[in-house]
Amino acid sequence: MAELQDEFDTPAEAGELGGRPTTATDARRVPGAPRPEPAAGREDAFGRARALLDAHPVADGHSGLLRALRAMPYCDLESGDGGVETDVPRLRAGGVGALFWSLHVPDDRDGDRAVAAALEQLDLVRHVAARYADDLRLVRDASETADARNRGRIAVVVGPASARALGDSLGALRSLHALGLNVLTLAGTPWAGEDGLSTFGEQVVREVNRLGILADLTGAPEATARRVLGLSKAPVVFTRSGARALREHPENLGDGLLAAVGAAKGLCLVPLAAEQTGTRVRDVVDHLEHVRNVAGPECVGLAGTYDTSAAHPEELGDVSRFPRLVAELLDRGWADAEIAALTWGNVQRALRGADFTARASR
């Protein structure tokens, strides 16, 4: 690990975020209605998109950058030519203000080996954030995320990580949180299966609430998802789930579960992954609109899924392409306030909810 870390270069100075949103429109697209023609041309839509992202940057709910960096020890995140889909210039161009860094725990690791894999990546994320401190800042809650954005840094939220990294130990969970873990994926464990949560699984949910960790239910069986939605006192997230009504995929959510997410004020982060949401920008927007209409406008967000094994829709090939997506939303008639909630506000709400729950439990 030391040899890997020593290869990272020190970053150069980066510019600050700025700007203000434009005047909001109240137009909303009715499901099934024809798409309106762009009112002022594509260039105007891109200009408005960039202005919106200056004021309300993207909180990207899933990045596989850490896994990519482990395989590319010479990657320079400042130069913009490191062979990854996520680097500092692209993050700036894409209007990204916060990034959830996934900790990959290989499927063949369990017990102590799974814990070790998570610890290695926690060490790496801290090292990378320190090396690129002019651009990146590790954060623990909504207030630190907002402060990083206001200071021109990109906030790094650590997680999601597979709950297999706990080794079935609440002590390991507390230790991982002390080292920076903020999002935990419950799926893939024997205590969060097809029959719902075991007694230990319920203890994990209560403990993540107490610590202020967001519970991620991506890929969880429906019985487990519904039990966690009912048990958790903090908002629950799905860090990469589209709408199953539009595209069949095991990690996408059916309308019944989306409605339950809305009732619990959870958060569904729609992935920019072709397998889950389609091969075109308009397909991604279809999923965003479906989740918004079923769960509610405060319950939908974005997950880039960059630097994972996922292929991406055309025109959304790397993290710099979020303005293209926002331009499509404007063409569809999304109001500025709805886009601001989608890109930034809804993730902030979930982080605030986790922090409030943790403070209330102490």
Protein backbone atom coordinates (compact mmCIF):
# COMPACT_ATOMS: atom_id res chain seq x y z
CA MET A 1 0.00 0.00 0.00
CA ALA A 2 2.86 2.40 0.79
CA GLU A 3 4.35 1.84 -2.65
CA LEU A 4 0.98 2.59 -4.25
CA GLN A 5 0.48 5.78 -2.27
CA ASP A 6 3.96 7.16 -3.01
CA GLU A 7 3.14 7.30 -6.74
CA PHE A 8 0.47 10.00 -6.43
CA ASP A 9 1.52 13.50 -7.49
CA THR A 10 0.81 16.68 -5.60
CA PRO A 11 -2.05 18.63 -7.24
CA ALA A 12 -1.94 22.14 -8.63
CA GLU A 13 -4.23 24.96 -7.54
CA ALA A 14 -7.83 24.72 -8.80
CA GLY A 15 -10.52 27.32 -9.35
CA GLU A 16 -13.49 28.02 -7.14
CA LEU A 17 -17.14 27.21 -7.73
CA GLY A 18 -19.44 30.19 -8.18
CA GLY A 19 -22.48 31.60 -9.91
CA ARG A 20 -26.19 31.80 -9.22
CA PRO A 21 -29.20 29.84 -10.51
CA THR A 22 -31.38 31.36 -13.18
CA THR A 23 -35.07 32.15 -12.81
CA ALA A 24 -37.16 29.06 -12.11
CA THR A 25 -39.90 27.79 -14.35
CA ASP A 26 -42.91 25.98 -12.93
CA ALA A 27 -43.35 23.69 -15.93
CA ARG A 28 -43.42 19.96 -15.22
CA ARG A 29 -43.74 17.14 -17.67
CA VAL A 30 -46.90 15.04 -17.39
CA PRO A 31 -46.08 11.33 -17.71
CA GLY A 32 -46.82 10.15 -21.25
CA ALA A 33 -47.04 13.67 -22.70
CA PRO A 34 -44.90 14.61 -25.73
CA ARG A 35 -41.50 16.07 -25.01
CA PRO A 36 -41.46 19.86 -25.45
CA GLU A 37 -39.03 21.34 -27.95
CA PRO A 38 -36.07 23.25 -26.45
CA ALA A 39 -37.23 26.85 -26.09
CA ALA A 40 -33.97 28.67 -26.63
CA GLY A 41 -31.68 26.19 -28.38
CA ARG A 42 -29.12 23.72 -27.13
CA GLU A 43 -26.49 26.33 -26.31
CA ASP A 44 -28.86 28.24 -24.03
CA ALA A 45 -29.77 24.97 -22.28
CA PHE A 46 -26.09 24.22 -21.64
CA GLY A 47 -25.53 27.74 -20.34
CA ARG A 48 -28.44 27.42 -17.93
CA ALA A 49 -27.25 23.95 -16.91
CA ARG A 50 -23.79 25.24 -16.03
CA ALA A 51 -25.25 28.18 -14.10
CA LEU A 52 -27.45 25.83 -12.09
CA LEU A 53 -24.53 23.53 -11.31
CA ASP A 54 -22.42 26.48 -10.21
CA ALA A 55 -24.99 27.19 -7.51
CA HIS A 56 -26.24 23.64 -6.88
CA PRO A 57 -23.45 21.18 -7.77
CA VAL A 58 -23.91 17.46 -8.20
CA ALA A 59 -23.65 15.19 -5.17
CA ASP A 60 -22.66 11.99 -6.98
CA GLY A 61 -23.82 9.03 -4.93
CA HIS A 62 -21.49 6.33 -6.26
CA SER A 63 -17.90 6.44 -7.54
CA GLY A 64 -15.59 3.50 -8.10
CA LEU A 65 -12.47 5.67 -8.24
CA LEU A 66 -10.72 3.96 -5.31
CA ARG A 67 -10.90 0.59 -7.02
CA ALA A 68 -9.49 2.11 -10.22
CA LEU A 69 -6.63 3.77 -8.33
CA ARG A 70 -5.57 0.49 -6.74
CA ALA A 71 -4.92 -0.86 -10.24
CA MET A 72 -3.29 2.37 -11.52
CA PRO A 73 -0.57 3.44 -9.06
CA TYR A 74 0.82 6.08 -11.45
CA CYS A 75 -2.51 7.87 -12.01
CA ASP A 76 -2.37 11.67 -11.62
CA LEU A 77 -5.79 13.08 -10.76
CA GLU A 78 -4.70 16.64 -11.48
CA SER A 79 -3.40 16.23 -15.03
CA GLY A 80 -6.68 15.03 -16.55
CA ASP A 81 -5.02 12.26 -18.58
CA GLY A 82 -4.77 9.47 -16.04
CA GLY A 83 -6.98 6.97 -17.85
CA VAL A 84 -9.85 7.16 -15.37
CA GLU A 85 -13.38 8.54 -15.77
CA THR A 86 -13.01 10.72 -12.66
CA ASP A 87 -10.28 13.29 -12.05
CA VAL A 88 -10.09 16.85 -10.78
CA PRO A 89 -10.49 18.65 -14.14
CA ARG A 90 -13.48 16.47 -15.07
CA LEU A 91 -15.07 16.93 -11.65
CA ARG A 92 -14.76 20.70 -12.05
CA ALA A 93 -16.11 20.61 -15.61
CA GLY A 94 -19.00 18.40 -14.51
CA GLY A 95 -20.05 20.71 -11.68
CA VAL A 96 -19.54 18.04 -9.02
CA GLY A 97 -19.53 19.28 -5.43
CA ALA A 98 -19.62 15.98 -3.54
CA LEU A 99 -18.66 12.41 -4.33
CA PHE A 100 -19.46 9.16 -2.52
CA TRP A 101 -16.34 6.95 -2.83
CA SER A 102 -17.27 3.27 -2.80
CA LEU A 103 -15.03 0.89 -0.84
CA HIS A 104 -14.84 -2.31 -2.88
CA VAL A 105 -14.78 -5.52 -0.87
CA PRO A 106 -14.15 -8.46 -3.26
CA ASP A 107 -16.80 -11.17 -3.24
CA ASP A 108 -14.25 -13.82 -2.27
CA ARG A 109 -13.32 -12.03 0.95
CA ASP A 110 -15.13 -12.44 4.22
CA GLY A 111 -14.35 -12.25 7.91
CA ASP A 112 -10.97 -10.71 8.72
CA ARG A 113 -10.00 -10.52 5.03
CA ALA A 114 -13.07 -8.38 4.27
CA VAL A 115 -12.27 -6.07 7.19
CA ALA A 116 -8.67 -5.77 5.93
CA ALA A 117 -9.86 -4.87 2.41
CA ALA A 118 -12.02 -2.05 3.79
CA LEU A 119 -9.18 -0.79 6.02
CA GLU A 120 -6.76 -0.69 3.08
CA GLN A 121 -9.16 1.42 1.05
CA LEU A 122 -9.92 3.73 3.97
CA ASP A 123 -6.19 4.30 4.24
CA LEU A 124 -5.99 5.00 0.50
CA VAL A 125 -8.89 7.46 0.44
CA ARG A 126 -7.36 9.44 3.29
CA HIS A 127 -4.02 9.52 1.49
CA VAL A 128 -5.53 10.65 -1.83
CA ALA A 129 -7.61 13.36 -0.14
CA ALA A 130 -4.50 14.63 1.64
CA ARG A 131 -2.46 14.65 -1.58
CA TYR A 132 -5.16 16.64 -3.39
CA ALA A 133 -6.14 18.80 -0.45
CA ASP A 134 -6.53 21.91 -2.63
CA ASP A 135 -9.40 20.17 -4.42
CA LEU A 136 -10.75 17.39 -2.19
CA ARG A 137 -11.91 17.33 1.41
CA LEU A 138 -13.02 14.35 3.48
CA VAL A 139 -16.35 15.11 5.17
CA ARG A 140 -18.53 13.41 7.78
CA ASP A 141 -21.88 15.21 7.63
CA ALA A 142 -24.03 17.75 5.80
CA SER A 143 -22.46 20.80 7.42
CA GLU A 144 -18.94 19.72 6.46
CA THR A 145 -20.17 18.93 2.94
CA ALA A 146 -21.64 22.42 2.57
CA ASP A 147 -18.52 24.00 4.05
CA ALA A 148 -16.28 22.14 1.60
CA ARG A 149 -18.44 23.33 -1.29
CA ASN A 150 -18.37 26.92 -0.04
CA ARG A 151 -14.55 26.77 0.15
CA GLY A 152 -14.27 25.49 -3.41
CA ARG A 153 -13.41 21.90 -2.42
CA ILE A 154 -15.12 18.76 -3.63
CA ALA A 155 -16.53 16.91 -0.62
CA VAL A 156 -15.58 13.23 -0.33
CA VAL A 157 -18.09 11.05 1.52
CA VAL A 158 -16.57 7.65 2.32
CA GLY A 159 -18.82 4.79 1.25
CA PRO A 160 -20.79 2.82 0.44
CA ALA A 161 -18.90 -0.21 1.70
CA SER A 162 -20.27 -3.73 1.86
CA ALA A 163 -21.42 -4.75 5.33
CA ARG A 164 -19.32 -7.89 4.87
CA ALA A 165 -16.48 -5.60 5.97
CA LEU A 166 -17.92 -5.69 9.49
CA GLY A 167 -17.02 -9.33 10.00
CA ASP A 168 -20.33 -9.61 11.93
CA SER A 169 -18.96 -7.27 14.59
CA LEU A 170 -20.54 -4.05 15.86
CA GLY A 171 -17.11 -3.15 17.22
CA ALA A 172 -15.70 -3.31 13.69
CA LEU A 173 -18.57 -1.09 12.52
CA ARG A 174 -17.71 1.52 15.15
CA SER A 175 -14.01 1.35 14.24
CA LEU A 176 -14.69 1.75 10.52
CA HIS A 177 -16.89 4.75 11.25
CA ALA A 178 -14.17 6.29 13.42
CA LEU A 179 -11.84 5.99 10.42
CA GLY A 180 -14.32 7.79 8.15
CA LEU A 181 -16.92 5.32 6.84
CA ASN A 182 -20.24 7.11 6.28
CA VAL A 183 -22.34 4.77 4.08
CA LEU A 184 -22.88 1.02 4.57
CA THR A 185 -24.49 -1.39 2.05
CA LEU A 186 -26.49 -4.03 3.90
CA ALA A 187 -27.07 -6.46 1.00
CA GLY A 188 -24.95 -9.57 0.59
CA THR A 189 -24.86 -10.58 4.24
CA PRO A 190 -26.51 -13.56 5.95
CA TRP A 191 -28.30 -11.25 8.38
CA ALA A 192 -30.01 -9.16 5.67
CA GLY A 193 -31.48 -11.76 3.34
CA GLU A 194 -34.64 -12.87 1.59
CA ASP A 195 -36.50 -13.30 4.89
CA GLY A 196 -35.61 -9.82 6.16
CA LEU A 197 -33.31 -8.81 9.00
CA SER A 198 -32.05 -11.13 11.68
CA THR A 199 -31.73 -9.94 15.27
CA PHE A 200 -28.11 -8.97 14.55
CA GLY A 201 -29.23 -7.16 11.39
CA GLU A 202 -31.63 -5.04 13.44
CA GLN A 203 -28.78 -4.24 15.84
CA VAL A 204 -26.69 -3.06 12.87
CA VAL A 205 -29.47 -0.72 11.69
CA ARG A 206 -29.86 0.77 15.16
CA GLU A 207 -26.09 1.21 15.44
CA VAL A 208 -25.70 2.93 12.05
CA ASN A 209 -28.50 5.28 13.16
CA ARG A 210 -26.64 5.99 16.40
CA LEU A 211 -23.36 6.63 14.58
CA GLY A 212 -24.81 8.74 11.77
CA ILE A 213 -23.99 6.25 8.99
CA LEU A 214 -26.37 6.11 6.03
CA ALA A 215 -27.81 2.63 5.41
CA ASP A 216 -27.62 1.71 1.71
CA LEU A 217 -30.17 -0.85 0.52
CA THR A 218 -28.99 -1.26 -3.08
CA GLY A 219 -29.49 -4.88 -4.10
CA ALA A 220 -31.22 -5.82 -0.85
CA PRO A 221 -34.14 -8.28 -1.00
CA GLU A 222 -37.47 -6.52 -0.74
CA ALA A 223 -38.27 -8.01 2.68
CA THR A 224 -35.02 -6.59 4.04
CA ALA A 225 -35.54 -3.24 2.34
CA ARG A 226 -39.04 -2.85 3.76
CA ARG A 227 -37.94 -3.87 7.24
CA VAL A 228 -35.07 -1.36 7.23
CA LEU A 229 -37.35 1.38 5.90
CA GLY A 230 -39.67 0.73 8.82
CA LEU A 231 -36.94 0.36 11.45
CA SER A 232 -34.49 3.12 10.57
CA LYS A 233 -35.02 6.49 12.19
CA ALA A 234 -32.71 8.15 9.64
CA PRO A 235 -33.22 8.40 5.86
CA VAL A 236 -32.30 5.23 3.98
CA VAL A 237 -30.58 5.43 0.59
CA PHE A 238 -30.36 3.28 -2.52
CA THR A 239 -27.05 4.46 -3.96
CA ARG A 240 -27.57 3.05 -7.48
CA SER A 241 -31.15 2.05 -8.31
CA GLY A 242 -33.36 2.95 -11.26
CA ALA A 243 -37.02 2.19 -11.93
CA ARG A 244 -37.88 -1.46 -12.58
CA ALA A 245 -41.07 -0.39 -14.36
CA LEU A 246 -38.85 1.02 -17.12
CA ARG A 247 -36.00 -1.49 -17.14
CA GLU A 248 -35.80 -4.88 -15.48
CA HIS A 249 -32.67 -5.14 -13.35
CA PRO A 250 -32.14 -6.75 -9.92
CA GLU A 251 -30.93 -3.47 -8.38
CA ASN A 252 -33.80 -1.36 -9.80
CA LEU A 253 -36.87 -0.73 -7.64
CA GLY A 254 -40.49 -1.62 -8.33
CA ASP A 255 -43.17 1.01 -7.88
CA GLY A 256 -44.37 -0.46 -4.59
CA LEU A 257 -40.92 -0.16 -3.06
CA LEU A 258 -40.40 3.30 -4.57
CA ALA A 259 -43.63 4.41 -2.91
CA ALA A 260 -42.35 3.00 0.39
CA VAL A 261 -39.11 4.93 -0.07
CA GLY A 262 -41.14 8.09 -0.56
CA ALA A 263 -43.30 7.42 2.51
CA ALA A 264 -40.16 6.94 4.63
CA LYS A 265 -38.47 10.02 3.07
CA GLY A 266 -35.62 7.86 1.82
CA LEU A 267 -33.51 8.54 -1.25
CA CYS A 268 -33.13 6.69 -4.55
CA LEU A 269 -30.00 7.66 -6.50
CA VAL A 270 -30.48 6.82 -10.18
CA PRO A 271 -27.30 5.44 -11.82
CA LEU A 272 -25.82 6.64 -15.10
CA ALA A 273 -25.36 2.99 -16.06
CA ALA A 274 -26.60 1.74 -19.42
CA GLU A 275 -27.53 -1.71 -18.10
CA GLN A 276 -29.84 -0.20 -15.48
CA THR A 277 -31.19 2.96 -17.09
CA GLY A 278 -30.63 2.64 -20.85
CA THR A 279 -28.18 3.77 -23.49
CA ARG A 280 -29.38 7.36 -24.05
CA VAL A 281 -29.53 10.51 -21.97
CA ARG A 282 -33.29 10.60 -22.38
CA ASP A 283 -33.50 7.07 -20.90
CA VAL A 284 -31.80 8.28 -17.72
CA VAL A 285 -34.20 11.22 -17.51
CA ASP A 286 -37.13 8.82 -17.94
CA HIS A 287 -35.94 6.98 -14.82
CA LEU A 288 -35.42 10.21 -12.90
CA GLU A 289 -38.94 11.34 -13.76
CA HIS A 290 -40.46 7.98 -12.85
CA VAL A 291 -38.73 7.92 -9.45
CA ARG A 292 -39.74 11.55 -8.87
CA ASN A 293 -43.36 10.87 -9.76
CA VAL A 294 -43.67 7.72 -7.62
CA ALA A 295 -41.42 8.47 -4.61
CA GLY A 296 -41.56 12.27 -4.67
CA PRO A 297 -39.22 15.07 -5.81
CA GLU A 298 -37.33 15.07 -2.49
CA CYS A 299 -36.47 11.36 -2.86
CA VAL A 300 -34.47 11.24 -6.12
CA GLY A 301 -30.78 11.90 -6.79
CA LEU A 302 -27.86 10.93 -9.04
CA ALA A 303 -25.22 8.21 -9.00
CA GLY A 304 -22.55 8.56 -11.68
CA THR A 305 -21.21 4.98 -11.21
CA TYR A 306 -18.03 6.16 -12.94
CA ASP A 307 -14.86 4.07 -12.72
CA THR A 308 -16.91 0.96 -12.08
CA SER A 309 -17.47 -1.88 -14.54
CA ALA A 310 -20.64 -0.17 -15.77
CA ALA A 311 -21.00 1.11 -19.34
CA HIS A 312 -22.58 4.56 -19.53
CA PRO A 313 -25.25 6.09 -21.77
CA GLU A 314 -24.05 7.96 -24.83
CA GLU A 315 -22.91 11.53 -24.10
CA LEU A 316 -22.47 10.62 -20.41
CA GLY A 317 -19.12 8.86 -20.69
CA ASP A 318 -17.32 10.48 -17.76
CA VAL A 319 -17.92 12.67 -14.73
CA SER A 320 -17.61 15.89 -16.75
CA ARG A 321 -20.89 15.17 -18.56
CA PHE A 322 -23.41 16.11 -15.86
CA PRO A 323 -24.19 19.46 -17.62
CA ARG A 324 -25.45 17.43 -20.62
CA LEU A 325 -27.85 15.59 -18.33
CA VAL A 326 -29.06 18.81 -16.69
CA ALA A 327 -29.60 20.38 -20.13
CA GLU A 328 -31.88 17.44 -20.98
CA LEU A 329 -33.81 17.99 -17.74
CA LEU A 330 -34.30 21.66 -18.68
CA ASP A 331 -35.54 20.61 -22.10
CA ARG A 332 -38.06 18.35 -20.36
CA GLY A 333 -39.40 21.30 -18.37
CA TRP A 334 -37.87 20.59 -14.96
CA ALA A 335 -37.97 23.64 -12.73
CA ASP A 336 -34.70 25.04 -11.44
CA ALA A 337 -35.75 24.20 -7.87
CA GLU A 338 -36.40 20.57 -8.84
CA ILE A 339 -32.97 20.29 -10.45
CA ALA A 340 -31.32 21.90 -7.42
CA ALA A 341 -32.96 19.29 -5.19
CA LEU A 342 -31.96 16.47 -7.53
CA THR A 343 -28.31 17.46 -7.82
CA TRP A 344 -27.54 18.69 -4.30
CA GLY A 345 -30.43 19.31 -1.94
CA ASN A 346 -31.80 15.78 -1.56
CA VAL A 347 -28.43 14.26 -0.65
CA GLN A 348 -27.89 17.08 1.83
CA ARG A 349 -31.28 16.31 3.36
CA ALA A 350 -30.31 12.65 3.83
CA LEU A 351 -26.97 13.57 5.38
CA ARG A 352 -28.68 16.05 7.72
CA GLY A 353 -31.22 13.40 8.68
CA ALA A 354 -28.50 10.90 9.57
CA ASP A 355 -26.66 13.51 11.63
CA PHE A 356 -29.84 14.62 13.43
CA THR A 357 -30.74 11.01 14.27
CA ALA A 358 -27.25 10.37 15.62
CA ARG A 359 -27.31 13.48 17.81
CA ALA A 360 -30.79 12.66 19.11
CA SER A 361 -29.70 9.14 20.12
CA ARG A 362 -26.78 10.31 22.26
